[in-house]
PDB file of N, CA and C in Angstrom:
ATOM      1  N   MET A   1     -79.431  17.786  74.483  1.00  0.00           N
ATOM      2  CA  MET A   1     -79.650  19.610  74.562  1.00  0.00           C
ATOM      3  C   MET A   1     -78.167  20.131  73.801  1.00  0.00           C
ATOM      4  N   SER A   2     -78.580  21.376  73.558  1.00  0.00           N
ATOM      5  CA  SER A   2     -77.316  22.256  72.842  1.00  0.00           C
ATOM      6  C   SER A   2     -77.128  23.640  73.531  1.00  0.00           C
ATOM      7  N   GLU A   3     -76.217  24.473  73.141  1.00  0.00           N
ATOM      8  CA  GLU A   3     -75.691  25.657  74.206  1.00  0.00           C
ATOM      9  C   GLU A   3     -75.203  26.515  73.677  1.00  0.00           C
ATOM     10  N   LYS A   4     -75.618  27.329  73.415  1.00  0.00           N
ATOM     11  CA  LYS A   4     -75.369  28.589  72.987  1.00  0.00           C
ATOM     12  C   LYS A   4     -75.512  29.570  73.482  1.00  0.00           C
ATOM     13  N   ASP A   5     -73.628  30.471  74.039  1.00  0.00           N
ATOM     14  CA  ASP A   5     -73.506  31.491  74.712  1.00  0.00           C
ATOM     15  C   ASP A   5     -74.891  31.017  76.541  1.00  0.00           C
ATOM     16  N   ASN A   6     -75.591  31.797  76.909  1.00  0.00           N
ATOM     17  CA  ASN A   6     -76.697  31.599  77.360  1.00  0.00           C
ATOM     18  C   ASN A   6     -78.357  30.516  77.678  1.00  0.00           C
ATOM     19  N   ILE A   7     -78.227  30.538  76.319  1.00  0.00           N
ATOM     20  CA  ILE A   7     -79.588  30.055  75.782  1.00  0.00           C
ATOM     21  C   ILE A   7     -79.128  28.447  75.337  1.00  0.00           C
ATOM     22  N   VAL A   8     -80.384  27.630  75.857  1.00  0.00           N
ATOM     23  CA  VAL A   8     -80.382  26.152  75.901  1.00  0.00           C
ATOM     24  C   VAL A   8     -81.386  25.630  74.900  1.00  0.00           C
ATOM     25  N   VAL A   9     -80.961  24.917  74.446  1.00  0.00           N
ATOM     26  CA  VAL A   9     -82.812  24.432  74.072  1.00  0.00           C
ATOM     27  C   VAL A   9     -82.737  22.498  73.929  1.00  0.00           C
ATOM     28  N   LEU A  10     -84.055  22.701  74.952  1.00  0.00           N
ATOM     29  CA  LEU A  10     -84.358  21.155  75.304  1.00  0.00           C
ATOM     30  C   LEU A  10     -85.357  21.007  74.111  1.00  0.00           C
ATOM     31  N   VAL A  11     -85.375  19.786  74.237  1.00  0.00           N
ATOM     32  CA  VAL A  11     -86.405  18.868  73.145  1.00  0.00           C
ATOM     33  C   VAL A  11     -87.539  18.125  74.477  1.00  0.00           C
ATOM     34  N   ASP A  12     -88.785  18.188  74.649  1.00  0.00           N
ATOM     35  CA  ASP A  12     -89.402  17.776  75.184  1.00  0.00           C
ATOM     36  C   ASP A  12     -90.310  16.290  74.632  1.00  0.00           C
ATOM     37  N   GLU A  13     -91.089  15.650  75.404  1.00  0.00           N
ATOM     38  CA  GLU A  13     -91.334  14.577  75.039  1.00  0.00           C
ATOM     39  C   GLU A  13     -92.446  14.606  73.787  1.00  0.00           C
ATOM     40  N   ASN A  14     -92.543  15.360  73.212  1.00  0.00           N
ATOM     41  CA  ASN A  14     -93.287  15.569  71.958  1.00  0.00           C
ATOM     42  C   ASN A  14     -91.916  16.069  71.025  1.00  0.00           C
ATOM     43  N   GLU A  15     -90.926  16.082  71.330  1.00  0.00           N
ATOM     44  CA  GLU A  15     -89.952  15.862  69.992  1.00  0.00           C
ATOM     45  C   GLU A  15     -89.930  17.692  70.026  1.00  0.00           C
ATOM     46  N   GLU A  16     -90.223  18.273  70.266  1.00  0.00           N
ATOM     47  CA  GLU A  16     -90.717  19.641  70.092  1.00  0.00           C
ATOM     48  C   GLU A  16     -89.362  20.881  70.597  1.00  0.00           C
ATOM     49  N   GLU A  17     -88.662  21.267  69.926  1.00  0.00           N
ATOM     50  CA  GLU A  17     -87.456  22.322  70.510  1.00  0.00           C
ATOM     51  C   GLU A  17     -88.242  23.200  71.324  1.00  0.00           C
ATOM     52  N   LEU A  18     -87.491  23.267  72.271  1.00  0.00           N
ATOM     53  CA  LEU A  18     -87.926  24.357  73.599  1.00  0.00           C
ATOM     54  C   LEU A  18     -86.483  25.510  73.942  1.00  0.00           C
ATOM     55  N   GLU A  19     -86.482  26.773  73.626  1.00  0.00           N
ATOM     56  CA  GLU A  19     -85.171  27.619  73.772  1.00  0.00           C
ATOM     57  C   GLU A  19     -85.819  28.138  75.366  1.00  0.00           C
ATOM     58  N   PHE A  20     -84.828  28.048  76.327  1.00  0.00           N
ATOM     59  CA  PHE A  20     -84.426  28.742  77.089  1.00  0.00           C
ATOM     60  C   PHE A  20     -83.430  29.314  77.538  1.00  0.00           C
ATOM     61  N   GLU A  21     -83.369  30.543  78.161  1.00  0.00           N
ATOM     62  CA  GLU A  21     -82.391  31.432  78.299  1.00  0.00           C
ATOM     63  C   GLU A  21     -81.622  30.937  80.132  1.00  0.00           C
ATOM     64  N   ILE A  22     -80.530  30.446  80.534  1.00  0.00           N
ATOM     65  CA  ILE A  22     -79.966  30.359  81.868  1.00  0.00           C
ATOM     66  C   ILE A  22     -80.060  31.679  82.369  1.00  0.00           C
ATOM     67  N   ILE A  23     -80.470  31.717  83.440  1.00  0.00           N
ATOM     68  CA  ILE A  23     -80.643  32.983  84.164  1.00  0.00           C
ATOM     69  C   ILE A  23     -80.036  33.189  85.693  1.00  0.00           C
ATOM     70  N   ASP A  24     -79.491  32.069  85.832  1.00  0.00           N
ATOM     71  CA  ASP A  24     -78.704  31.487  87.534  1.00  0.00           C
ATOM     72  C   ASP A  24     -78.024  30.151  87.108  1.00  0.00           C
ATOM     73  N   ILE A  25     -76.905  29.893  87.758  1.00  0.00           N
ATOM     74  CA  ILE A  25     -76.722  28.680  88.107  1.00  0.00           C
ATOM     75  C   ILE A  25     -76.192  28.751  89.546  1.00  0.00           C
ATOM     76  N   ILE A  26     -76.878  27.634  90.504  1.00  0.00           N
ATOM     77  CA  ILE A  26     -76.465  27.700  92.095  1.00  0.00           C
ATOM     78  C   ILE A  26     -75.705  26.189  92.105  1.00  0.00           C
ATOM     79  N   GLU A  27     -75.421  26.497  93.421  1.00  0.00           N
ATOM     80  CA  GLU A  27     -74.642  25.269  94.181  1.00  0.00           C
ATOM     81  C   GLU A  27     -75.361  25.199  95.229  1.00  0.00           C
ATOM     82  N   VAL A  28     -75.855  23.592  95.547  1.00  0.00           N
ATOM     83  CA  VAL A  28     -76.642  23.410  96.741  1.00  0.00           C
ATOM     84  C   VAL A  28     -76.519  21.906  96.866  1.00  0.00           C
ATOM     85  N   ASP A  29     -75.647  21.829  98.458  1.00  0.00           N
ATOM     86  CA  ASP A  29     -75.287  20.601  98.437  1.00  0.00           C
ATOM     87  C   ASP A  29     -74.530  20.043  97.491  1.00  0.00           C
ATOM     88  N   GLU A  30     -73.379  20.659  97.022  1.00  0.00           N
ATOM     89  CA  GLU A  30     -72.258  19.979  96.565  1.00  0.00           C
ATOM     90  C   GLU A  30     -72.650  19.963  94.759  1.00  0.00           C
ATOM     91  N   GLU A  31     -74.371  20.444  94.638  1.00  0.00           N
ATOM     92  CA  GLU A  31     -74.900  19.655  93.395  1.00  0.00           C
ATOM     93  C   GLU A  31     -74.871  21.201  92.694  1.00  0.00           C
ATOM     94  N   GLU A  32     -74.596  21.439  91.617  1.00  0.00           N
ATOM     95  CA  GLU A  32     -75.254  22.237  90.618  1.00  0.00           C
ATOM     96  C   GLU A  32     -76.402  22.326  89.902  1.00  0.00           C
ATOM     97  N   TYR A  33     -76.861  23.316  89.983  1.00  0.00           N
ATOM     98  CA  TYR A  33     -78.171  23.227  89.560  1.00  0.00           C
ATOM     99  C   TYR A  33     -78.692  25.054  88.491  1.00  0.00           C
ATOM    100  N   ALA A  34     -79.002  24.654  87.174  1.00  0.00           N
ATOM    101  CA  ALA A  34     -79.444  25.549  86.387  1.00  0.00           C
ATOM    102  C   ALA A  34     -80.892  26.156  86.418  1.00  0.00           C
ATOM    103  N   ILE A  35     -80.991  27.348  86.650  1.00  0.00           N
ATOM    104  CA  ILE A  35     -82.269  28.015  86.414  1.00  0.00           C
ATOM    105  C   ILE A  35     -82.693  28.502  85.128  1.00  0.00           C
ATOM    106  N   LEU A  36     -83.971  28.228  84.557  1.00  0.00           N
ATOM    107  CA  LEU A  36     -84.270  28.554  83.375  1.00  0.00           C
ATOM    108  C   LEU A  36     -85.300  29.466  82.858  1.00  0.00           C
ATOM    109  N   LEU A  37     -85.453  29.877  82.124  1.00  0.00           N
ATOM    110  CA  LEU A  37     -86.502  31.117  81.556  1.00  0.00           C
ATOM    111  C   LEU A  37     -86.767  30.745  80.178  1.00  0.00           C
ATOM    112  N   PRO A  38     -87.567  30.125  80.136  1.00  0.00           N
ATOM    113  CA  PRO A  38     -88.454  29.957  78.298  1.00  0.00           C
ATOM    114  C   PRO A  38     -88.146  31.404  77.403  1.00  0.00           C
ATOM    115  N   ILE A  39     -87.949  31.006  76.767  1.00  0.00           N
ATOM    116  CA  ILE A  39     -87.905  32.264  75.733  1.00  0.00           C
ATOM    117  C   ILE A  39     -89.028  32.050  75.013  1.00  0.00           C
ATOM    118  N   SER A  40     -90.094  32.771  75.230  1.00  0.00           N
ATOM    119  CA  SER A  40     -91.566  33.112  74.497  1.00  0.00           C
ATOM    120  C   SER A  40     -91.494  33.770  73.412  1.00  0.00           C
ATOM    121  N   ASP A  41     -92.451  33.545  72.416  1.00  0.00           N
ATOM    122  CA  ASP A  41     -92.899  35.224  71.146  1.00  0.00           C
ATOM    123  C   ASP A  41     -93.956  35.629  72.659  1.00  0.00           C
ATOM    124  N   GLY A  42     -93.226  36.207  73.514  1.00  0.00           N
ATOM    125  CA  GLY A  42     -94.285  37.282  74.169  1.00  0.00           C
ATOM    126  C   GLY A  42     -95.165  36.970  74.928  1.00  0.00           C
ATOM    127  N   GLU A  43     -94.966  35.857  75.452  1.00  0.00           N
ATOM    128  CA  GLU A  43     -96.142  35.208  76.020  1.00  0.00           C
ATOM    129  C   GLU A  43     -96.008  35.800  77.643  1.00  0.00           C
ATOM    130  N   PRO A  44     -97.232  36.356  78.580  1.00  0.00           N
ATOM    131  CA  PRO A  44     -96.481  36.992  79.620  1.00  0.00           C
ATOM    132  C   PRO A  44     -96.537  35.433  80.671  1.00  0.00           C
ATOM    133  N   GLY A  45     -96.145  35.727  82.055  1.00  0.00           N
ATOM    134  CA  GLY A  45     -96.318  34.540  83.186  1.00  0.00           C
ATOM    135  C   GLY A  45     -95.567  33.983  83.100  1.00  0.00           C
ATOM    136  N   GLN A  46     -94.423  33.369  82.065  1.00  0.00           N
ATOM    137  CA  GLN A  46     -93.534  32.552  82.152  1.00  0.00           C
ATOM    138  C   GLN A  46     -92.956  32.843  83.151  1.00  0.00           C
ATOM    139  N   GLU A  47     -92.572  30.974  83.863  1.00  0.00           N
ATOM    140  CA  GLU A  47     -92.178  30.991  85.496  1.00  0.00           C
ATOM    141  C   GLU A  47     -90.527  30.150  84.897  1.00  0.00           C
ATOM    142  N   ALA A  48     -89.861  30.753  85.714  1.00  0.00           N
ATOM    143  CA  ALA A  48     -88.537  29.711  85.443  1.00  0.00           C
ATOM    144  C   ALA A  48     -88.405  28.232  85.936  1.00  0.00           C
ATOM    145  N   ILE A  49     -87.753  27.839  85.333  1.00  0.00           N
ATOM    146  CA  ILE A  49     -87.694  25.781  85.924  1.00  0.00           C
ATOM    147  C   ILE A  49     -85.902  25.422  86.304  1.00  0.00           C
ATOM    148  N   ILE A  50     -85.816  24.660  87.532  1.00  0.00           N
ATOM    149  CA  ILE A  50     -84.922  24.211  87.337  1.00  0.00           C
ATOM    150  C   ILE A  50     -84.439  23.211  87.067  1.00  0.00           C
ATOM    151  N   LEU A  51     -83.238  22.696  86.741  1.00  0.00           N
ATOM    152  CA  LEU A  51     -82.701  21.281  86.136  1.00  0.00           C
ATOM    153  C   LEU A  51     -81.804  21.041  86.785  1.00  0.00           C
ATOM    154  N   LYS A  52     -81.133  20.073  87.202  1.00  0.00           N
ATOM    155  CA  LYS A  52     -79.966  19.521  87.659  1.00  0.00           C
ATOM    156  C   LYS A  52     -79.061  19.234  86.797  1.00  0.00           C
ATOM    157  N   ILE A  53     -77.716  19.735  87.142  1.00  0.00           N
ATOM    158  CA  ILE A  53     -76.566  19.542  86.273  1.00  0.00           C
ATOM    159  C   ILE A  53     -75.921  18.286  86.545  1.00  0.00           C
ATOM    160  N   GLY A  54     -75.694  17.444  85.507  1.00  0.00           N
ATOM    161  CA  GLY A  54     -75.039  16.494  85.404  1.00  0.00           C
ATOM    162  C   GLY A  54     -73.967  15.951  84.656  1.00  0.00           C
ATOM    163  N   ILE A  55     -73.810  14.782  84.260  1.00  0.00           N
ATOM    164  CA  ILE A  55     -72.583  14.460  83.417  1.00  0.00           C
ATOM    165  C   ILE A  55     -73.383  12.936  83.257  1.00  0.00           C
ATOM    166  N   ASP A  56     -73.496  12.848  81.834  1.00  0.00           N
ATOM    167  CA  ASP A  56     -73.919  11.581  81.031  1.00  0.00           C
ATOM    168  C   ASP A  56     -72.987  10.629  81.092  1.00  0.00           C
ATOM    169  N   GLU A  57     -73.229   9.361  80.670  1.00  0.00           N
ATOM    170  CA  GLU A  57     -72.641   8.061  80.398  1.00  0.00           C
ATOM    171  C   GLU A  57     -71.120   8.940  79.795  1.00  0.00           C
ATOM    172  N   ASN A  58     -71.139   9.785  78.875  1.00  0.00           N
ATOM    173  CA  ASN A  58     -69.785  10.098  77.611  1.00  0.00           C
ATOM    174  C   ASN A  58     -69.437  11.199  78.427  1.00  0.00           C
ATOM    175  N   GLY A  59     -69.813  11.563  79.540  1.00  0.00           N
ATOM    176  CA  GLY A  59     -68.859  12.498  79.916  1.00  0.00           C
ATOM    177  C   GLY A  59     -69.419  14.006  79.558  1.00  0.00           C
ATOM    178  N   GLU A  60     -70.623  13.863  78.791  1.00  0.00           N
ATOM    179  CA  GLU A  60     -71.062  15.323  78.729  1.00  0.00           C
ATOM    180  C   GLU A  60     -71.647  15.977  79.726  1.00  0.00           C
ATOM    181  N   GLU A  61     -71.967  17.246  79.800  1.00  0.00           N
ATOM    182  CA  GLU A  61     -72.858  18.143  80.531  1.00  0.00           C
ATOM    183  C   GLU A  61     -74.528  18.043  80.364  1.00  0.00           C
ATOM    184  N   MET A  62     -75.039  17.429  80.863  1.00  0.00           N
ATOM    185  CA  MET A  62     -76.539  17.153  80.929  1.00  0.00           C
ATOM    186  C   MET A  62     -77.371  17.853  81.973  1.00  0.00           C
ATOM    187  N   LEU A  63     -78.435  18.609  81.505  1.00  0.00           N
ATOM    188  CA  LEU A  63     -79.550  19.222  82.618  1.00  0.00           C
ATOM    189  C   LEU A  63     -80.439  17.609  82.708  1.00  0.00           C
ATOM    190  N   TYR A  64     -81.046  17.870  83.818  1.00  0.00           N
ATOM    191  CA  TYR A  64     -81.757  16.587  84.526  1.00  0.00           C
ATOM    192  C   TYR A  64     -83.000  17.458  85.427  1.00  0.00           C
ATOM    193  N   GLU A  65     -84.260  16.428  84.999  1.00  0.00           N
ATOM    194  CA  GLU A  65     -85.209  16.983  85.798  1.00  0.00           C
ATOM    195  C   GLU A  65     -85.492  16.485  86.856  1.00  0.00           C
ATOM    196  N   ILE A  66     -85.794  17.142  88.521  1.00  0.00           N
ATOM    197  CA  ILE A  66     -85.737  17.109  89.310  1.00  0.00           C
ATOM    198  C   ILE A  66     -86.795  16.181  89.861  1.00  0.00           C
ATOM    199  N   GLU A  67     -86.786  15.048  90.410  1.00  0.00           N
ATOM    200  CA  GLU A  67     -87.591  14.291  90.641  1.00  0.00           C
ATOM    201  C   GLU A  67     -87.869  14.268  91.828  1.00  0.00           C
ATOM    202  N   ASN A  68     -87.239  14.577  92.701  1.00  0.00           N
ATOM    203  CA  ASN A  68     -87.920  14.271  94.492  1.00  0.00           C
ATOM    204  C   ASN A  68     -88.029  15.915  94.941  1.00  0.00           C
ATOM    205  N   ASP A  69     -89.466  15.626  95.306  1.00  0.00           N
ATOM    206  CA  ASP A  69     -89.806  17.025  95.697  1.00  0.00           C
ATOM    207  C   ASP A  69     -88.808  17.804  96.933  1.00  0.00           C
ATOM    208  N   ASP A  70     -88.249  17.128  98.048  1.00  0.00           N
ATOM    209  CA  ASP A  70     -88.067  17.637  98.803  1.00  0.00           C
ATOM    210  C   ASP A  70     -86.462  18.806  98.377  1.00  0.00           C
ATOM    211  N   GLU A  71     -85.685  18.098  97.348  1.00  0.00           N
ATOM    212  CA  GLU A  71     -84.368  18.281  96.715  1.00  0.00           C
ATOM    213  C   GLU A  71     -85.254  19.555  95.708  1.00  0.00           C
ATOM    214  N   TRP A  72     -86.334  19.603  95.008  1.00  0.00           N
ATOM    215  CA  TRP A  72     -86.731  20.844  94.474  1.00  0.00           C
ATOM    216  C   TRP A  72     -86.917  21.938  95.188  1.00  0.00           C
ATOM    217  N   GLU A  73     -87.571  21.743  96.748  1.00  0.00           N
ATOM    218  CA  GLU A  73     -88.204  22.575  97.110  1.00  0.00           C
ATOM    219  C   GLU A  73     -86.722  23.379  98.336  1.00  0.00           C
ATOM    220  N   MET A  74     -85.523  22.601  97.982  1.00  0.00           N
ATOM    221  CA  MET A  74     -84.428  23.491  98.987  1.00  0.00           C
ATOM    222  C   MET A  74     -83.733  24.099  97.735  1.00  0.00           C
ATOM    223  N   VAL A  75     -83.530  23.317  96.493  1.00  0.00           N
ATOM    224  CA  VAL A  75     -82.927  24.412  95.360  1.00  0.00           C
ATOM    225  C   VAL A  75     -83.671  25.421  95.165  1.00  0.00           C
ATOM    226  N   ALA A  76     -84.741  25.467  95.178  1.00  0.00           N
ATOM    227  CA  ALA A  76     -86.013  26.926  94.711  1.00  0.00           C
ATOM    228  C   ALA A  76     -85.814  27.602  95.781  1.00  0.00           C
ATOM    229  N   ASN A  77     -85.742  27.075  97.068  1.00  0.00           N
ATOM    230  CA  ASN A  77     -85.631  28.094  98.759  1.00  0.00           C
ATOM    231  C   ASN A  77     -84.344  28.696  98.495  1.00  0.00           C
ATOM    232  N   ALA A  78     -83.357  27.956  98.047  1.00  0.00           N
ATOM    233  CA  ALA A  78     -81.706  28.425  98.062  1.00  0.00           C
ATOM    234  C   ALA A  78     -81.708  29.761  96.801  1.00  0.00           C
ATOM    235  N   TRP A  79     -82.567  29.878  95.456  1.00  0.00           N
ATOM    236  CA  TRP A  79     -82.532  30.608  94.459  1.00  0.00           C
ATOM    237  C   TRP A  79     -83.208  31.752  95.158  1.00  0.00           C
ATOM    238  N   GLN A  80     -84.732  31.717  95.497  1.00  0.00           N
ATOM    239  CA  GLN A  80     -84.761  32.796  96.346  1.00  0.00           C
ATOM    240  C   GLN A  80     -83.982  33.951  97.219  1.00  0.00           C
ATOM    241  N   GLU A  81     -83.621  33.135  98.204  1.00  0.00           N
ATOM    242  CA  GLU A  81     -82.522  33.596  99.220  1.00  0.00           C
ATOM    243  C   GLU A  81     -81.629  34.194  97.991  1.00  0.00           C
ATOM    244  N   SER A  82     -80.798  33.754  97.392  1.00  0.00           N
ATOM    245  CA  SER A  82     -80.000  34.291  96.755  1.00  0.00           C
ATOM    246  C   SER A  82     -80.605  35.439  95.973  1.00  0.00           C
ATOM    247  N   VAL A  83     -81.423  35.689  95.118  1.00  0.00           N
ATOM    248  CA  VAL A  83     -82.283  36.369  94.516  1.00  0.00           C
ATOM    249  C   VAL A  83     -82.256  37.785  95.134  1.00  0.00           C
ATOM    250  N   GLY A  84     -83.257  37.103  96.400  1.00  0.00           N
ATOM    251  CA  GLY A  84     -83.052  38.636  97.577  1.00  0.00           C
ATOM    252  C   GLY A  84     -81.921  39.247  97.909  1.00  0.00           C
ATOM    253  N   GLU A  85     -81.009  38.364  98.206  1.00  0.00           N
ATOM    254  CA  GLU A  85     -79.940  39.272  98.197  1.00  0.00           C
ATOM    255  C   GLU A  85     -79.178  39.789  97.512  1.00  0.00           C
ATOM    256  N   ASN A  86     -79.011  39.274  96.076  1.00  0.00           N
ATOM    257  CA  ASN A  86     -78.175  39.990  95.265  1.00  0.00           C
ATOM    258  C   ASN A  86     -79.209  41.260  94.271  1.00  0.00           C
ATOM    259  N   GLY A  87     -80.544  41.287  94.280  1.00  0.00           N
ATOM    260  CA  GLY A  87     -81.386  42.054  94.190  1.00  0.00           C
ATOM    261  C   GLY A  87     -81.638  41.449  92.883  1.00  0.00           C
ATOM    262  N   VAL A  88     -81.347  40.174  92.192  1.00  0.00           N
ATOM    263  CA  VAL A  88     -81.684  39.911  90.510  1.00  0.00           C
ATOM    264  C   VAL A  88     -82.727  39.410  90.321  1.00  0.00           C
ATOM    265  N   GLN A  89     -83.496  39.597  88.975  1.00  0.00           N
ATOM    266  CA  GLN A  89     -84.611  39.422  88.999  1.00  0.00           C
ATOM    267  C   GLN A  89     -84.849  38.377  87.898  1.00  0.00           C
TER     268      GLN A  89
END
């Protein structure tokens, strides 16, 4: 993962680099999560993704996929509530 301002570049399973804009960072149960929106070439219907912010073995900040469905739902609901309260889209 590399980071420039609010843009992150992630490498997928095919070793392709994908750019995302960090649209929000929220805290749920003392854990931080990044809400990312794909930066596309005008493709409509892009959906935000949620990744957990953690620290790797070298002390570097990393983004991790949320593998627990209950945890993902909890974070998604918290973000939806935050968006509703703040009027952010």
